[in-house]
Amino acid sequence: MATIDKVVWHTRIQGNPETRKQILTRFWIIVNFIQMNGLTKRILARSIAEIDDEFSINSDDLTDIGLELMKKAYDKWLTKVDAGMPPADIAILQRTLEKLNK
């Protein structure tokens, strides 16, 4: 099992411009996206309230397509979010998923 991303990796970074609320929201957006698209093997969270510092997305949590999506699109999406794109803009994730499902 490999950890793909973990909340604490972002909340404990000195000088991170994101607020805790923004980090939790961003995690909820990706978790909700992968769950709604059937890319997880289990429910990771039912709401943003279930996401805390110890919350993580692990390779074992994902289907094969889910893992492929994260490999191909997650860092691109994060980079765009870091550059100012609203986290709710999931177009990169959607386009990649469409390609993977062809």
Protein backbone atom coordinates (compact mmCIF):
# COMPACT_ATOMS: atom_id res chain seq x y z
CA MET A 1 0.00 0.00 0.00
CA ALA A 2 1.25 3.46 -0.89
CA THR A 3 -0.17 6.68 0.50
CA ILE A 4 -1.11 8.96 -2.36
CA ASP A 5 -1.95 12.00 -0.24
CA LYS A 6 -2.59 12.75 3.41
CA VAL A 7 -4.15 15.83 5.00
CA VAL A 8 -1.37 16.30 7.55
CA TRP A 9 1.17 16.60 4.74
CA HIS A 10 -0.53 19.89 3.87
CA THR A 11 -1.72 21.18 7.24
CA ARG A 12 1.72 20.97 8.87
CA ILE A 13 3.72 22.66 6.11
CA GLN A 14 5.21 25.93 7.31
CA GLY A 15 4.13 28.79 5.07
CA ASN A 16 1.42 26.85 3.24
CA PRO A 17 -0.85 29.57 1.81
CA GLU A 18 -3.91 27.30 2.07
CA THR A 19 -6.05 27.50 5.17
CA ARG A 20 -7.01 24.32 7.00
CA LYS A 21 -10.56 24.73 5.69
CA GLN A 22 -9.29 25.00 2.10
CA ILE A 23 -7.19 21.85 2.51
CA LEU A 24 -10.12 19.87 3.93
CA THR A 25 -12.41 21.17 1.18
CA ARG A 26 -9.90 20.18 -1.50
CA PHE A 27 -9.62 16.68 -0.05
CA TRP A 28 -13.41 16.37 0.09
CA ILE A 29 -13.70 17.42 -3.56
CA ILE A 30 -11.29 14.73 -4.77
CA VAL A 31 -12.72 12.06 -2.45
CA ASN A 32 -16.26 12.86 -3.53
CA PHE A 33 -15.23 12.76 -7.20
CA ILE A 34 -13.54 9.37 -7.00
CA GLN A 35 -16.34 7.88 -4.90
CA MET A 36 -19.14 9.20 -7.12
CA ASN A 37 -17.37 7.71 -10.14
CA GLY A 38 -16.97 4.28 -8.58
CA LEU A 39 -13.19 4.54 -8.35
CA THR A 40 -12.86 3.45 -4.71
CA LYS A 41 -13.09 -0.01 -3.18
CA ARG A 42 -14.73 1.36 -0.04
CA ILE A 43 -16.32 4.56 1.24
CA LEU A 44 -13.46 6.84 2.26
CA ALA A 45 -15.67 9.58 3.74
CA ARG A 46 -19.38 10.34 3.70
CA SER A 47 -18.89 14.06 4.30
CA ILE A 48 -16.22 16.67 4.80
CA ALA A 49 -16.76 16.26 8.56
CA GLU A 50 -15.05 12.84 8.36
CA ILE A 51 -11.84 14.33 6.95
CA ASP A 52 -9.23 15.19 9.58
CA ASP A 53 -5.43 15.44 9.78
CA GLU A 54 -5.03 11.66 9.74
CA PHE A 55 -7.20 11.20 6.65
CA SER A 56 -5.37 9.79 3.65
CA ILE A 57 -6.00 8.39 0.19
CA ASN A 58 -4.10 5.13 -0.29
CA SER A 59 -3.46 3.03 -3.37
CA ASP A 60 -5.31 0.11 -1.72
CA ASP A 61 -8.46 2.29 -1.48
CA LEU A 62 -8.72 2.63 -5.26
CA THR A 63 -9.85 0.50 -8.15
CA ASP A 64 -7.38 -0.02 -10.99
CA ILE A 65 -8.95 2.87 -12.94
CA GLY A 66 -9.01 5.02 -9.80
CA LEU A 67 -5.31 4.46 -9.27
CA GLU A 68 -4.58 5.21 -12.91
CA LEU A 69 -6.62 8.44 -12.68
CA MET A 70 -4.64 9.55 -9.64
CA LYS A 71 -1.34 8.76 -11.37
CA LYS A 72 -2.27 10.65 -14.52
CA ALA A 73 -4.31 13.61 -13.27
CA TYR A 74 -4.06 14.25 -9.53
CA ASP A 75 -0.74 16.13 -9.55
CA LYS A 76 -1.86 18.17 -12.58
CA TRP A 77 -5.08 19.12 -10.78
CA LEU A 78 -3.18 20.00 -7.57
CA THR A 79 -0.72 22.14 -9.52
CA LYS A 80 -3.58 24.08 -11.10
CA VAL A 81 -5.29 24.48 -7.71
CA ASP A 82 -2.02 25.75 -6.24
CA ALA A 83 -1.86 28.26 -9.11
CA GLY A 84 -5.29 29.65 -8.21
CA MET A 85 -7.80 27.41 -9.96
CA PRO A 86 -10.83 26.72 -7.74
CA PRO A 87 -10.65 23.14 -6.38
CA ALA A 88 -14.21 22.58 -7.55
CA ASP A 89 -12.95 22.81 -11.15
CA ILE A 90 -12.54 19.10 -11.77
CA ALA A 91 -12.37 19.28 -15.57
CA ILE A 92 -8.85 17.77 -15.63
CA LEU A 93 -10.07 14.82 -13.58
CA GLN A 94 -13.18 14.38 -15.71
CA ARG A 95 -11.28 14.49 -19.03
CA THR A 96 -8.72 11.99 -17.78
CA LEU A 97 -11.43 9.66 -16.52
CA GLU A 98 -13.23 9.83 -19.88
CA LYS A 99 -9.99 8.82 -21.64
CA LEU A 100 -9.43 5.95 -19.21
CA ASN A 101 -12.97 4.67 -19.72
CA LYS A 102 -12.67 4.50 -23.52
